[in-house]
């Protein structure tokens, strides 16, 4: 049985929205959005991290999300 992530062959992290959008344009899919915390001595910081994955091809063409939303029911 195939799991939801079994077709992902490459994972990338993006620390900005712009970088995440660039990866989406390259064919990656959004897997997870999470918050990363770091602490160095008295200094604490947090930031959003976008986790994206590239899927191996299954031989079928998938429509882009914009095209899917505009498709007739």
C-alpha atoms as a PDB file:
ATOM      1  CA  UNK A   1       0.000   0.000   0.000  1.00  0.00           C
ATOM      2  CA  UNK A   2       1.269   3.440  -0.909  1.00  0.00           C
ATOM      3  CA  UNK A   3       1.480   6.030   1.876  1.00  0.00           C
ATOM      4  CA  UNK A   4       0.868   9.755   1.247  1.00  0.00           C
ATOM      5  CA  UNK A   5       4.610  10.492   1.311  1.00  0.00           C
ATOM      6  CA  UNK A   6       5.961   7.360  -0.366  1.00  0.00           C
ATOM      7  CA  UNK A   7       6.289   9.110  -3.751  1.00  0.00           C
ATOM      8  CA  UNK A   8       8.400  12.004  -2.388  1.00  0.00           C
ATOM      9  CA  UNK A   9      11.978  11.699  -3.584  1.00  0.00           C
ATOM     10  CA  UNK A  10      13.423  15.049  -2.467  1.00  0.00           C
ATOM     11  CA  UNK A  11      12.764  17.317   0.536  1.00  0.00           C
ATOM     12  CA  UNK A  12      13.700  20.995   0.813  1.00  0.00           C
ATOM     13  CA  UNK A  13      13.194  23.561   3.553  1.00  0.00           C
ATOM     14  CA  UNK A  14      12.421  27.207   2.867  1.00  0.00           C
ATOM     15  CA  UNK A  15      12.684  29.863   5.553  1.00  0.00           C
ATOM     16  CA  UNK A  16      10.830  32.554   3.575  1.00  0.00           C
ATOM     17  CA  UNK A  17       7.551  32.725   1.686  1.00  0.00           C
ATOM     18  CA  UNK A  18       9.360  33.824  -1.466  1.00  0.00           C
ATOM     19  CA  UNK A  19      11.695  30.814  -1.401  1.00  0.00           C
ATOM     20  CA  UNK A  20       8.768  28.474  -0.748  1.00  0.00           C
ATOM     21  CA  UNK A  21       6.882  29.989  -3.699  1.00  0.00           C
ATOM     22  CA  UNK A  22       9.954  29.546  -5.927  1.00  0.00           C
ATOM     23  CA  UNK A  23      10.075  25.851  -5.022  1.00  0.00           C
ATOM     24  CA  UNK A  24       6.336  25.474  -5.660  1.00  0.00           C
ATOM     25  CA  UNK A  25       6.864  26.950  -9.140  1.00  0.00           C
ATOM     26  CA  UNK A  26       9.577  24.323  -9.712  1.00  0.00           C
ATOM     27  CA  UNK A  27       7.106  21.493  -9.072  1.00  0.00           C
ATOM     28  CA  UNK A  28       7.523  20.901  -5.352  1.00  0.00           C
ATOM     29  CA  UNK A  29       4.466  20.368  -3.156  1.00  0.00           C
ATOM     30  CA  UNK A  30       3.926  21.772   0.322  1.00  0.00           C
ATOM     31  CA  UNK A  31       4.327  19.014   2.881  1.00  0.00           C
ATOM     32  CA  UNK A  32       4.332  20.914   6.157  1.00  0.00           C
ATOM     33  CA  UNK A  33       4.572  24.374   7.698  1.00  0.00           C
ATOM     34  CA  UNK A  34       6.179  24.411  11.113  1.00  0.00           C
ATOM     35  CA  UNK A  35       7.766  26.785  13.577  1.00  0.00           C
ATOM     36  CA  UNK A  36      11.443  26.438  14.429  1.00  0.00           C
ATOM     37  CA  UNK A  37      12.788  27.644  17.761  1.00  0.00           C
ATOM     38  CA  UNK A  38      16.396  28.376  18.590  1.00  0.00           C
ATOM     39  CA  UNK A  39      18.104  29.587  21.730  1.00  0.00           C
ATOM     40  CA  UNK A  40      21.646  30.795  22.213  1.00  0.00           C
ATOM     41  CA  UNK A  41      22.318  31.857  25.758  1.00  0.00           C
ATOM     42  CA  UNK A  42      19.862  34.646  26.614  1.00  0.00           C
ATOM     43  CA  UNK A  43      18.797  35.057  22.987  1.00  0.00           C
ATOM     44  CA  UNK A  44      15.709  33.189  21.773  1.00  0.00           C
ATOM     45  CA  UNK A  45      14.245  33.256  18.293  1.00  0.00           C
ATOM     46  CA  UNK A  46      11.580  31.517  16.282  1.00  0.00           C
ATOM     47  CA  UNK A  47      10.639  31.426  12.642  1.00  0.00           C
ATOM     48  CA  UNK A  48       8.353  29.718  10.177  1.00  0.00           C
ATOM     49  CA  UNK A  49       9.813  26.903   8.071  1.00  0.00           C
ATOM     50  CA  UNK A  50       8.123  25.572   4.942  1.00  0.00           C
ATOM     51  CA  UNK A  51       8.872  21.915   4.173  1.00  0.00           C
ATOM     52  CA  UNK A  52       8.390  21.026   0.511  1.00  0.00           C
ATOM     53  CA  UNK A  53       8.815  17.784  -1.370  1.00  0.00           C
ATOM     54  CA  UNK A  54       9.253  16.733  -4.970  1.00  0.00           C
ATOM     55  CA  UNK A  55       7.281  13.671  -6.035  1.00  0.00           C
ATOM     56  CA  UNK A  56       8.451  11.050  -8.465  1.00  0.00           C
ATOM     57  CA  UNK A  57       6.396  10.980 -11.623  1.00  0.00           C
ATOM     58  CA  UNK A  58       3.596   8.454 -11.907  1.00  0.00           C
ATOM     59  CA  UNK A  59       3.204   8.962 -15.642  1.00  0.00           C
ATOM     60  CA  UNK A  60       0.052  11.026 -15.264  1.00  0.00           C
ATOM     61  CA  UNK A  61      -0.109  14.767 -15.799  1.00  0.00           C
ATOM     62  CA  UNK A  62      -1.438  16.642 -12.784  1.00  0.00           C
ATOM     63  CA  UNK A  63      -3.162  19.976 -13.314  1.00  0.00           C
ATOM     64  CA  UNK A  64      -1.849  22.949 -11.400  1.00  0.00           C
ATOM     65  CA  UNK A  65      -4.007  23.951  -8.408  1.00  0.00           C
ATOM     66  CA  UNK A  66      -5.171  27.141 -10.173  1.00  0.00           C
ATOM     67  CA  UNK A  67      -6.459  25.096 -13.093  1.00  0.00           C
ATOM     68  CA  UNK A  68      -8.175  22.588 -10.819  1.00  0.00           C
ATOM     69  CA  UNK A  69     -10.073  25.300  -8.931  1.00  0.00           C
ATOM     70  CA  UNK A  70     -11.431  26.796 -12.151  1.00  0.00           C
ATOM     71  CA  UNK A  71     -12.516  23.467 -13.630  1.00  0.00           C
ATOM     72  CA  UNK A  72     -16.288  22.932 -14.012  1.00  0.00           C
ATOM     73  CA  UNK A  73     -17.933  20.521 -11.566  1.00  0.00           C
END
